[in-house]
Amino acid sequence: MVKETGIEIKIKNNSSKQITNVEFTTTENLEVIKIDKIAPREIVKQFLSMRKNKSDGAYLLTFTRSNGERVTNLAGYYTNGGSVNYCVDFRVEKDTTIVKFDRLVY
């Protein structure tokens, strides 16, 4: 169940190395979830409030791999400041990130 206007996120680090400086936001960049680090095999769940969002946009997940590589994933879509999905799952693999949106709002 949605707590307010926004989207639930789940990030699972399936790689064998820790990822750091994890941030999740929208392209409007009004609210940002910041996570210092996610250990290998760890799962983090949070909720991104979108109550200030007003336009159309997408979601951004950025993080740093253990080798210093900064990764940016642009995914999904929201309209008129509202998410069309209840949740999004990110699975960080050794060399890629898999994104799955789930449970349509309507």
PDB file of N, CA and C in Angstrom:
ATOM      1  N   MET A   1       0.838  -1.180   0.000  1.00  0.00           N
ATOM      2  CA  MET A   1       0.000   0.000   0.000  1.00  0.00           C
ATOM      3  C   MET A   1       0.887   1.250   0.000  1.00  0.00           C
ATOM      4  N   VAL A   2       0.548   2.232  -0.809  1.00  0.00           N
ATOM      5  CA  VAL A   2       1.327   3.450  -0.917  1.00  0.00           C
ATOM      6  C   VAL A   2       1.072   4.332   0.301  1.00  0.00           C
ATOM      7  N   LYS A   3       2.131   4.805   0.936  1.00  0.00           N
ATOM      8  CA  LYS A   3       2.026   5.635   2.127  1.00  0.00           C
ATOM      9  C   LYS A   3       1.563   7.042   1.779  1.00  0.00           C
ATOM     10  N   GLU A   4       2.002   7.545   0.663  1.00  0.00           N
ATOM     11  CA  GLU A   4       1.664   8.865   0.158  1.00  0.00           C
ATOM     12  C   GLU A   4       2.042   8.850  -1.319  1.00  0.00           C
ATOM     13  N   THR A   5       2.006  10.006  -1.959  1.00  0.00           N
ATOM     14  CA  THR A   5       2.426  10.059  -3.354  1.00  0.00           C
ATOM     15  C   THR A   5       3.913   9.754  -3.427  1.00  0.00           C
ATOM     16  N   GLY A   6       4.271   8.734  -4.181  1.00  0.00           N
ATOM     17  CA  GLY A   6       5.672   8.350  -4.287  1.00  0.00           C
ATOM     18  C   GLY A   6       5.820   6.929  -4.776  1.00  0.00           C
ATOM     19  N   ILE A   7       7.003   6.371  -4.566  1.00  0.00           N
ATOM     20  CA  ILE A   7       7.288   5.022  -5.038  1.00  0.00           C
ATOM     21  C   ILE A   7       8.180   4.293  -4.037  1.00  0.00           C
ATOM     22  N   GLU A   8       7.853   3.021  -3.801  1.00  0.00           N
ATOM     23  CA  GLU A   8       8.689   2.155  -2.962  1.00  0.00           C
ATOM     24  C   GLU A   8       9.865   1.685  -3.810  1.00  0.00           C
ATOM     25  N   ILE A   9      11.048   1.638  -3.215  1.00  0.00           N
ATOM     26  CA  ILE A   9      12.208   1.132  -3.949  1.00  0.00           C
ATOM     27  C   ILE A   9      12.852  -0.006  -3.166  1.00  0.00           C
ATOM     28  N   LYS A  10      13.411  -0.946  -3.919  1.00  0.00           N
ATOM     29  CA  LYS A  10      14.192  -2.032  -3.329  1.00  0.00           C
ATOM     30  C   LYS A  10      15.469  -2.132  -4.145  1.00  0.00           C
ATOM     31  N   ILE A  11      16.600  -2.091  -3.471  1.00  0.00           N
ATOM     32  CA  ILE A  11      17.893  -2.228  -4.134  1.00  0.00           C
ATOM     33  C   ILE A  11      18.584  -3.442  -3.541  1.00  0.00           C
ATOM     34  N   LYS A  12      18.911  -4.414  -4.388  1.00  0.00           N
ATOM     35  CA  LYS A  12      19.639  -5.602  -3.946  1.00  0.00           C
ATOM     36  C   LYS A  12      21.006  -5.604  -4.612  1.00  0.00           C
ATOM     37  N   ASN A  13      22.044  -5.696  -3.796  1.00  0.00           N
ATOM     38  CA  ASN A  13      23.406  -5.759  -4.317  1.00  0.00           C
ATOM     39  C   ASN A  13      23.776  -7.223  -4.539  1.00  0.00           C
ATOM     40  N   ASN A  14      23.629  -7.689  -5.776  1.00  0.00           N
ATOM     41  CA  ASN A  14      23.963  -9.070  -6.128  1.00  0.00           C
ATOM     42  C   ASN A  14      25.426  -9.239  -6.508  1.00  0.00           C
ATOM     43  N   SER A  15      26.196  -8.165  -6.461  1.00  0.00           N
ATOM     44  CA  SER A  15      27.615  -8.272  -6.806  1.00  0.00           C
ATOM     45  C   SER A  15      28.390  -8.784  -5.590  1.00  0.00           C
ATOM     46  N   SER A  16      29.646  -9.094  -5.795  1.00  0.00           N
ATOM     47  CA  SER A  16      30.478  -9.598  -4.700  1.00  0.00           C
ATOM     48  C   SER A  16      31.217  -8.475  -3.978  1.00  0.00           C
ATOM     49  N   LYS A  17      30.965  -7.231  -4.389  1.00  0.00           N
ATOM     50  CA  LYS A  17      31.644  -6.074  -3.800  1.00  0.00           C
ATOM     51  C   LYS A  17      30.622  -5.066  -3.278  1.00  0.00           C
ATOM     52  N   GLN A  18      31.017  -4.328  -2.282  1.00  0.00           N
ATOM     53  CA  GLN A  18      30.176  -3.272  -1.719  1.00  0.00           C
ATOM     54  C   GLN A  18      29.990  -2.141  -2.732  1.00  0.00           C
ATOM     55  N   ILE A  19      28.807  -1.525  -2.752  1.00  0.00           N
ATOM     56  CA  ILE A  19      28.594  -0.308  -3.525  1.00  0.00           C
ATOM     57  C   ILE A  19      28.375   0.833  -2.536  1.00  0.00           C
ATOM     58  N   THR A  20      28.769   2.048  -2.931  1.00  0.00           N
ATOM     59  CA  THR A  20      28.709   3.186  -2.020  1.00  0.00           C
ATOM     60  C   THR A  20      28.055   4.388  -2.695  1.00  0.00           C
ATOM     61  N   ASN A  21      27.822   5.423  -1.896  1.00  0.00           N
ATOM     62  CA  ASN A  21      27.267   6.693  -2.399  1.00  0.00           C
ATOM     63  C   ASN A  21      26.029   6.463  -3.260  1.00  0.00           C
ATOM     64  N   VAL A  22      25.114   5.666  -2.756  1.00  0.00           N
ATOM     65  CA  VAL A  22      23.903   5.306  -3.494  1.00  0.00           C
ATOM     66  C   VAL A  22      22.878   6.431  -3.342  1.00  0.00           C
ATOM     67  N   GLU A  23      22.312   6.859  -4.478  1.00  0.00           N
ATOM     68  CA  GLU A  23      21.274   7.890  -4.465  1.00  0.00           C
ATOM     69  C   GLU A  23      20.154   7.490  -5.409  1.00  0.00           C
ATOM     70  N   PHE A  24      18.913   7.727  -4.967  1.00  0.00           N
ATOM     71  CA  PHE A  24      17.740   7.487  -5.804  1.00  0.00           C
ATOM     72  C   PHE A  24      16.886   8.740  -5.777  1.00  0.00           C
ATOM     73  N   THR A  25      16.493   9.227  -6.958  1.00  0.00           N
ATOM     74  CA  THR A  25      15.697  10.442  -7.062  1.00  0.00           C
ATOM     75  C   THR A  25      14.911  10.423  -8.366  1.00  0.00           C
ATOM     76  N   THR A  26      14.213  11.506  -8.628  1.00  0.00           N
ATOM     77  CA  THR A  26      13.540  11.685  -9.914  1.00  0.00           C
ATOM     78  C   THR A  26      14.339  12.696 -10.730  1.00  0.00           C
ATOM     79  N   THR A  27      13.997  12.830 -12.005  1.00  0.00           N
ATOM     80  CA  THR A  27      14.690  13.812 -12.841  1.00  0.00           C
ATOM     81  C   THR A  27      14.396  15.244 -12.397  1.00  0.00           C
ATOM     82  N   GLU A  28      13.335  15.448 -11.616  1.00  0.00           N
ATOM     83  CA  GLU A  28      13.081  16.771 -11.037  1.00  0.00           C
ATOM     84  C   GLU A  28      13.999  17.042  -9.842  1.00  0.00           C
ATOM     85  N   ASN A  29      14.574  15.996  -9.265  1.00  0.00           N
ATOM     86  CA  ASN A  29      15.549  16.081  -8.178  1.00  0.00           C
ATOM     87  C   ASN A  29      15.036  16.895  -6.977  1.00  0.00           C
ATOM     88  N   LEU A  30      13.808  16.626  -6.554  1.00  0.00           N
ATOM     89  CA  LEU A  30      13.211  17.358  -5.437  1.00  0.00           C
ATOM     90  C   LEU A  30      13.424  16.662  -4.098  1.00  0.00           C
ATOM     91  N   GLU A  31      13.373  15.355  -4.085  1.00  0.00           N
ATOM     92  CA  GLU A  31      13.659  14.538  -2.900  1.00  0.00           C
ATOM     93  C   GLU A  31      14.711  13.516  -3.314  1.00  0.00           C
ATOM     94  N   VAL A  32      15.629  13.190  -2.405  1.00  0.00           N
ATOM     95  CA  VAL A  32      16.692  12.237  -2.721  1.00  0.00           C
ATOM     96  C   VAL A  32      16.840  11.253  -1.565  1.00  0.00           C
ATOM     97  N   ILE A  33      16.870   9.975  -1.889  1.00  0.00           N
ATOM     98  CA  ILE A  33      17.217   8.952  -0.904  1.00  0.00           C
ATOM     99  C   ILE A  33      18.717   8.740  -1.017  1.00  0.00           C
ATOM    100  N   LYS A  34      19.430   8.873   0.112  1.00  0.00           N
ATOM    101  CA  LYS A  34      20.881   8.680   0.126  1.00  0.00           C
ATOM    102  C   LYS A  34      21.217   7.520   1.049  1.00  0.00           C
ATOM    103  N   ILE A  35      22.021   6.604   0.531  1.00  0.00           N
ATOM    104  CA  ILE A  35      22.452   5.428   1.289  1.00  0.00           C
ATOM    105  C   ILE A  35      23.972   5.370   1.191  1.00  0.00           C
ATOM    106  N   ASP A  36      24.662   5.362   2.322  1.00  0.00           N
ATOM    107  CA  ASP A  36      26.129   5.376   2.318  1.00  0.00           C
ATOM    108  C   ASP A  36      26.729   4.170   1.612  1.00  0.00           C
ATOM    109  N   LYS A  37      26.220   2.969   1.966  1.00  0.00           N
ATOM    110  CA  LYS A  37      26.788   1.754   1.368  1.00  0.00           C
ATOM    111  C   LYS A  37      25.770   0.627   1.413  1.00  0.00           C
ATOM    112  N   ILE A  38      25.934  -0.296   0.468  1.00  0.00           N
ATOM    113  CA  ILE A  38      25.137  -1.519   0.444  1.00  0.00           C
ATOM    114  C   ILE A  38      26.118  -2.672   0.257  1.00  0.00           C
ATOM    115  N   ALA A  39      26.160  -3.555   1.227  1.00  0.00           N
ATOM    116  CA  ALA A  39      27.088  -4.684   1.206  1.00  0.00           C
ATOM    117  C   ALA A  39      26.643  -5.732   0.181  1.00  0.00           C
ATOM    118  N   PRO A  40      27.564  -6.623  -0.218  1.00  0.00           N
ATOM    119  CA  PRO A  40      27.178  -7.717  -1.115  1.00  0.00           C
ATOM    120  C   PRO A  40      26.027  -8.526  -0.510  1.00  0.00           C
ATOM    121  N   ARG A  41      25.044  -8.853  -1.347  1.00  0.00           N
ATOM    122  CA  ARG A  41      23.857  -9.633  -0.987  1.00  0.00           C
ATOM    123  C   ARG A  41      22.877  -8.886  -0.083  1.00  0.00           C
ATOM    124  N   GLU A  42      23.176  -7.656   0.282  1.00  0.00           N
ATOM    125  CA  GLU A  42      22.269  -6.866   1.126  1.00  0.00           C
ATOM    126  C   GLU A  42      21.119  -6.298   0.291  1.00  0.00           C
ATOM    127  N   ILE A  43      19.951  -6.195   0.922  1.00  0.00           N
ATOM    128  CA  ILE A  43      18.768  -5.599   0.301  1.00  0.00           C
ATOM    129  C   ILE A  43      18.354  -4.387   1.133  1.00  0.00           C
ATOM    130  N   VAL A  44      18.122  -3.274   0.453  1.00  0.00           N
ATOM    131  CA  VAL A  44      17.669  -2.049   1.107  1.00  0.00           C
ATOM    132  C   VAL A  44      16.312  -1.675   0.523  1.00  0.00           C
ATOM    133  N   LYS A  45      15.359  -1.347   1.404  1.00  0.00           N
ATOM    134  CA  LYS A  45      14.026  -0.916   0.967  1.00  0.00           C
ATOM    135  C   LYS A  45      13.734   0.447   1.572  1.00  0.00           C
ATOM    136  N   GLN A  46      13.229   1.367   0.735  1.00  0.00           N
ATOM    137  CA  GLN A  46      12.858   2.698   1.209  1.00  0.00           C
ATOM    138  C   GLN A  46      11.709   3.229   0.367  1.00  0.00           C
ATOM    139  N   PHE A  47      11.216   4.388   0.748  1.00  0.00           N
ATOM    140  CA  PHE A  47      10.112   5.029   0.041  1.00  0.00           C
ATOM    141  C   PHE A  47      10.534   6.428  -0.374  1.00  0.00           C
ATOM    142  N   LEU A  48      10.386   6.753  -1.658  1.00  0.00           N
ATOM    143  CA  LEU A  48      10.691   8.087  -2.165  1.00  0.00           C
ATOM    144  C   LEU A  48       9.397   8.888  -2.250  1.00  0.00           C
ATOM    145  N   SER A  49       9.308   9.946  -1.466  1.00  0.00           N
ATOM    146  CA  SER A  49       8.153  10.836  -1.534  1.00  0.00           C
ATOM    147  C   SER A  49       8.216  11.652  -2.819  1.00  0.00           C
ATOM    148  N   MET A  50       7.066  11.760  -3.478  1.00  0.00           N
ATOM    149  CA  MET A  50       6.975  12.560  -4.699  1.00  0.00           C
ATOM    150  C   MET A  50       5.904  13.636  -4.547  1.00  0.00           C
ATOM    151  N   ARG A  51       5.605  14.037  -3.322  1.00  0.00           N
ATOM    152  CA  ARG A  51       4.531  15.004  -3.091  1.00  0.00           C
ATOM    153  C   ARG A  51       4.838  16.379  -3.678  1.00  0.00           C
ATOM    154  N   LYS A  52       6.122  16.707  -3.892  1.00  0.00           N
ATOM    155  CA  LYS A  52       6.502  17.998  -4.478  1.00  0.00           C
ATOM    156  C   LYS A  52       6.601  17.947  -6.001  1.00  0.00           C
ATOM    157  N   ASN A  53       6.647  16.747  -6.568  1.00  0.00           N
ATOM    158  CA  ASN A  53       6.781  16.607  -8.021  1.00  0.00           C
ATOM    159  C   ASN A  53       5.515  17.091  -8.713  1.00  0.00           C
ATOM    160  N   LYS A  54       5.682  17.762  -9.848  1.00  0.00           N
ATOM    161  CA  LYS A  54       4.542  18.315 -10.579  1.00  0.00           C
ATOM    162  C   LYS A  54       4.527  17.954 -12.062  1.00  0.00           C
ATOM    163  N   SER A  55       5.666  17.564 -12.626  1.00  0.00           N
ATOM    164  CA  SER A  55       5.732  17.339 -14.075  1.00  0.00           C
ATOM    165  C   SER A  55       5.957  15.865 -14.401  1.00  0.00           C
ATOM    166  N   ASP A  56       6.271  15.587 -15.644  1.00  0.00           N
ATOM    167  CA  ASP A  56       6.615  14.239 -16.091  1.00  0.00           C
ATOM    168  C   ASP A  56       8.116  14.039 -15.927  1.00  0.00           C
ATOM    169  N   GLY A  57       8.524  12.803 -15.742  1.00  0.00           N
ATOM    170  CA  GLY A  57       9.949  12.541 -15.609  1.00  0.00           C
ATOM    171  C   GLY A  57      10.246  11.066 -15.474  1.00  0.00           C
ATOM    172  N   ALA A  58      11.479  10.784 -15.059  1.00  0.00           N
ATOM    173  CA  ALA A  58      11.962   9.416 -14.895  1.00  0.00           C
ATOM    174  C   ALA A  58      12.693   9.320 -13.556  1.00  0.00           C
ATOM    175  N   TYR A  59      13.143   8.117 -13.232  1.00  0.00           N
ATOM    176  CA  TYR A  59      13.846   7.857 -11.980  1.00  0.00           C
ATOM    177  C   TYR A  59      15.332   7.671 -12.250  1.00  0.00           C
ATOM    178  N   LEU A  60      16.152   8.094 -11.286  1.00  0.00           N
ATOM    179  CA  LEU A  60      17.604   7.971 -11.394  1.00  0.00           C
ATOM    180  C   LEU A  60      18.153   7.219 -10.190  1.00  0.00           C
ATOM    181  N   LEU A  61      18.927   6.171 -10.457  1.00  0.00           N
ATOM    182  CA  LEU A  61      19.691   5.484  -9.415  1.00  0.00           C
ATOM    183  C   LEU A  61      21.157   5.670  -9.763  1.00  0.00           C
ATOM    184  N   THR A  62      21.928   6.214  -8.841  1.00  0.00           N
ATOM    185  CA  THR A  62      23.365   6.363  -9.050  1.00  0.00           C
ATOM    186  C   THR A  62      24.096   5.739  -7.871  1.00  0.00           C
ATOM    187  N   PHE A  63      25.261   5.174  -8.145  1.00  0.00           N
ATOM    188  CA  PHE A  63      26.090   4.590  -7.091  1.00  0.00           C
ATOM    189  C   PHE A  63      27.519   4.452  -7.591  1.00  0.00           C
ATOM    190  N   THR A  64      28.430   4.165  -6.674  1.00  0.00           N
ATOM    191  CA  THR A  64      29.838   3.970  -7.011  1.00  0.00           C
ATOM    192  C   THR A  64      30.217   2.521  -6.736  1.00  0.00           C
ATOM    193  N   ARG A  65      30.812   1.882  -7.748  1.00  0.00           N
ATOM    194  CA  ARG A  65      31.316   0.511  -7.578  1.00  0.00           C
ATOM    195  C   ARG A  65      32.636   0.549  -6.809  1.00  0.00           C
ATOM    196  N   SER A  66      33.081  -0.599  -6.330  1.00  0.00           N
ATOM    197  CA  SER A  66      34.300  -0.678  -5.518  1.00  0.00           C
ATOM    198  C   SER A  66      35.549  -0.243  -6.288  1.00  0.00           C
ATOM    199  N   ASN A  67      35.503  -0.298  -7.629  1.00  0.00           N
ATOM    200  CA  ASN A  67      36.652   0.125  -8.441  1.00  0.00           C
ATOM    201  C   ASN A  67      36.627   1.622  -8.745  1.00  0.00           C
ATOM    202  N   GLY A  68      35.653   2.349  -8.168  1.00  0.00           N
ATOM    203  CA  GLY A  68      35.553   3.789  -8.361  1.00  0.00           C
ATOM    204  C   GLY A  68      34.646   4.220  -9.500  1.00  0.00           C
ATOM    205  N   GLU A  69      34.140   3.259 -10.271  1.00  0.00           N
ATOM    206  CA  GLU A  69      33.254   3.582 -11.395  1.00  0.00           C
ATOM    207  C   GLU A  69      31.924   4.110 -10.868  1.00  0.00           C
ATOM    208  N   ARG A  70      31.525   5.282 -11.359  1.00  0.00           N
ATOM    209  CA  ARG A  70      30.234   5.873 -11.000  1.00  0.00           C
ATOM    210  C   ARG A  70      29.204   5.400 -12.014  1.00  0.00           C
ATOM    211  N   VAL A  71      28.122   4.800 -11.534  1.00  0.00           N
ATOM    212  CA  VAL A  71      27.083   4.225 -12.388  1.00  0.00           C
ATOM    213  C   VAL A  71      25.809   5.055 -12.240  1.00  0.00           C
ATOM    214  N   THR A  72      25.189   5.395 -13.371  1.00  0.00           N
ATOM    215  CA  THR A  72      23.913   6.106 -13.378  1.00  0.00           C
ATOM    216  C   THR A  72      22.911   5.310 -14.193  1.00  0.00           C
ATOM    217  N   ASN A  73      21.773   5.012 -13.595  1.00  0.00           N
ATOM    218  CA  ASN A  73      20.695   4.290 -14.273  1.00  0.00           C
ATOM    219  C   ASN A  73      19.474   5.193 -14.348  1.00  0.00           C
ATOM    220  N   LEU A  74      19.032   5.496 -15.564  1.00  0.00           N
ATOM    221  CA  LEU A  74      17.810   6.258 -15.798  1.00  0.00           C
ATOM    222  C   LEU A  74      16.749   5.254 -16.205  1.00  0.00           C
ATOM    223  N   ALA A  75      15.637   5.226 -15.474  1.00  0.00           N
ATOM    224  CA  ALA A  75      14.638   4.183 -15.745  1.00  0.00           C
ATOM    225  C   ALA A  75      13.239   4.673 -15.415  1.00  0.00           C
ATOM    226  N   GLY A  76      12.265   4.039 -16.049  1.00  0.00           N
ATOM    227  CA  GLY A  76      10.870   4.262 -15.711  1.00  0.00           C
ATOM    228  C   GLY A  76      10.331   5.602 -16.155  1.00  0.00           C
ATOM    229  N   TYR A  77       9.125   5.897 -15.667  1.00  0.00           N
ATOM    230  CA  TYR A  77       8.413   7.101 -16.073  1.00  0.00           C
ATOM    231  C   TYR A  77       7.355   7.430 -15.030  1.00  0.00           C
ATOM    232  N   TYR A  78       7.203   8.715 -14.759  1.00  0.00           N
ATOM    233  CA  TYR A  78       6.070   9.177 -13.958  1.00  0.00           C
ATOM    234  C   TYR A  78       5.434  10.356 -14.682  1.00  0.00           C
ATOM    235  N   THR A  79       4.173  10.618 -14.398  1.00  0.00           N
ATOM    236  CA  THR A  79       3.444  11.653 -15.127  1.00  0.00           C
ATOM    237  C   THR A  79       2.698  12.583 -14.176  1.00  0.00           C
ATOM    238  N   ASN A  80       2.715  13.855 -14.490  1.00  0.00           N
ATOM    239  CA  ASN A  80       2.049  14.874 -13.670  1.00  0.00           C
ATOM    240  C   ASN A  80       2.437  14.766 -12.196  1.00  0.00           C
ATOM    241  N   GLY A  81       3.688  14.413 -11.946  1.00  0.00           N
ATOM    242  CA  GLY A  81       4.199  14.320 -10.586  1.00  0.00           C
ATOM    243  C   GLY A  81       3.840  13.055  -9.843  1.00  0.00           C
ATOM    244  N   GLY A  82       3.167  12.115 -10.504  1.00  0.00           N
ATOM    245  CA  GLY A  82       2.747  10.886  -9.837  1.00  0.00           C
ATOM    246  C   GLY A  82       3.307   9.639 -10.484  1.00  0.00           C
ATOM    247  N   SER A  83       3.693   8.697  -9.667  1.00  0.00           N
ATOM    248  CA  SER A  83       4.216   7.431 -10.165  1.00  0.00           C
ATOM    249  C   SER A  83       3.097   6.590 -10.769  1.00  0.00           C
ATOM    250  N   VAL A  84       3.405   5.869 -11.829  1.00  0.00           N
ATOM    251  CA  VAL A  84       2.432   4.942 -12.413  1.00  0.00           C
ATOM    252  C   VAL A  84       2.618   3.532 -11.846  1.00  0.00           C
ATOM    253  N   ASN A  85       3.651   3.344 -11.014  1.00  0.00           N
ATOM    254  CA  ASN A  85       3.919   2.066 -10.365  1.00  0.00           C
ATOM    255  C   ASN A  85       4.015   2.273  -8.858  1.00  0.00           C
ATOM    256  N   TYR A  86       3.696   1.216  -8.110  1.00  0.00           N
ATOM    257  CA  TYR A  86       3.856   1.267  -6.659  1.00  0.00           C
ATOM    258  C   TYR A  86       5.307   1.051  -6.235  1.00  0.00           C
ATOM    259  N   CYS A  87       6.042   0.233  -7.004  1.00  0.00           N
ATOM    260  CA  CYS A  87       7.399  -0.083  -6.569  1.00  0.00           C
ATOM    261  C   CYS A  87       8.331  -0.354  -7.744  1.00  0.00           C
ATOM    262  N   VAL A  88       9.625  -0.228  -7.455  1.00  0.00           N
ATOM    263  CA  VAL A  88      10.665  -0.531  -8.431  1.00  0.00           C
ATOM    264  C   VAL A  88      11.768  -1.315  -7.717  1.00  0.00           C
ATOM    265  N   ASP A  89      12.234  -2.376  -8.380  1.00  0.00           N
ATOM    266  CA  ASP A  89      13.327  -3.202  -7.861  1.00  0.00           C
ATOM    267  C   ASP A  89      14.560  -2.999  -8.724  1.00  0.00           C
ATOM    268  N   PHE A  90      15.690  -2.715  -8.067  1.00  0.00           N
ATOM    269  CA  PHE A  90      16.979  -2.633  -8.751  1.00  0.00           C
ATOM    270  C   PHE A  90      17.827  -3.792  -8.264  1.00  0.00           C
ATOM    271  N   ARG A  91      18.399  -4.538  -9.188  1.00  0.00           N
ATOM    272  CA  ARG A  91      19.308  -5.628  -8.853  1.00  0.00           C
ATOM    273  C   ARG A  91      20.670  -5.283  -9.431  1.00  0.00           C
ATOM    274  N   VAL A  92      21.612  -4.933  -8.558  1.00  0.00           N
ATOM    275  CA  VAL A  92      22.956  -4.569  -8.983  1.00  0.00           C
ATOM    276  C   VAL A  92      23.767  -5.845  -9.155  1.00  0.00           C
ATOM    277  N   GLU A  93      24.200  -6.094 -10.379  1.00  0.00           N
ATOM    278  CA  GLU A  93      25.014  -7.263 -10.703  1.00  0.00           C
ATOM    279  C   GLU A  93      26.471  -6.830 -10.872  1.00  0.00           C
ATOM    280  N   LYS A  94      27.341  -7.775 -11.189  1.00  0.00           N
ATOM    281  CA  LYS A  94      28.772  -7.503 -11.344  1.00  0.00           C
ATOM    282  C   LYS A  94      29.041  -6.384 -12.344  1.00  0.00           C
ATOM    283  N   ASP A  95      28.322  -6.404 -13.477  1.00  0.00           N
ATOM    284  CA  ASP A  95      28.618  -5.443 -14.542  1.00  0.00           C
ATOM    285  C   ASP A  95      27.381  -4.772 -15.135  1.00  0.00           C
ATOM    286  N   THR A  96      26.241  -4.905 -14.483  1.00  0.00           N
ATOM    287  CA  THR A  96      25.006  -4.299 -14.989  1.00  0.00           C
ATOM    288  C   THR A  96      24.028  -4.086 -13.839  1.00  0.00           C
ATOM    289  N   THR A  97      22.961  -3.371 -14.118  1.00  0.00           N
ATOM    290  CA  THR A  97      21.877  -3.196 -13.151  1.00  0.00           C
ATOM    291  C   THR A  97      20.573  -3.579 -13.830  1.00  0.00           C
ATOM    292  N   ILE A  98      19.832  -4.480 -13.215  1.00  0.00           N
ATOM    293  CA  ILE A  98      18.547  -4.928 -13.751  1.00  0.00           C
ATOM    294  C   ILE A  98      17.443  -4.180 -13.012  1.00  0.00           C
ATOM    295  N   VAL A  99      16.508  -3.625 -13.772  1.00  0.00           N
ATOM    296  CA  VAL A  99      15.427  -2.820 -13.206  1.00  0.00           C
ATOM    297  C   VAL A  99      14.093  -3.473 -13.523  1.00  0.00           C
ATOM    298  N   LYS A 100      13.227  -3.576 -12.508  1.00  0.00           N
ATOM    299  CA  LYS A 100      11.896  -4.142 -12.711  1.00  0.00           C
ATOM    300  C   LYS A 100      10.872  -3.276 -11.981  1.00  0.00           C
ATOM    301  N   PHE A 101       9.924  -2.758 -12.741  1.00  0.00           N
ATOM    302  CA  PHE A 101       8.816  -2.007 -12.150  1.00  0.00           C
ATOM    303  C   PHE A 101       7.671  -2.969 -11.922  1.00  0.00           C
ATOM    304  N   ASP A 102       6.957  -2.777 -10.814  1.00  0.00           N
ATOM    305  CA  ASP A 102       5.924  -3.719 -10.426  1.00  0.00           C
ATOM    306  C   ASP A 102       4.672  -2.979  -9.971  1.00  0.00           C
ATOM    307  N   ARG A 103       3.540  -3.658 -10.029  1.00  0.00           N
ATOM    308  CA  ARG A 103       2.269  -3.205  -9.479  1.00  0.00           C
ATOM    309  C   ARG A 103       1.870  -1.819  -9.963  1.00  0.00           C
ATOM    310  N   LEU A 104       1.179  -1.778 -11.073  1.00  0.00           N
ATOM    311  CA  LEU A 104       0.664  -0.519 -11.602  1.00  0.00           C
ATOM    312  C   LEU A 104      -0.311   0.121 -10.629  1.00  0.00           C
ATOM    313  N   VAL A 105      -0.281   1.433 -10.548  1.00  0.00           N
ATOM    314  CA  VAL A 105      -1.169   2.180  -9.666  1.00  0.00           C
ATOM    315  C   VAL A 105      -2.604   2.073 -10.150  1.00  0.00           C
ATOM    316  N   TYR A 106      -2.796   2.059 -11.461  1.00  0.00           N
ATOM    317  CA  TYR A 106      -4.164   1.976 -12.010  1.00  0.00           C
ATOM    318  C   TYR A 106      -4.303   0.809 -12.936  1.00  0.00           C
TER     319      TYR A 106
END
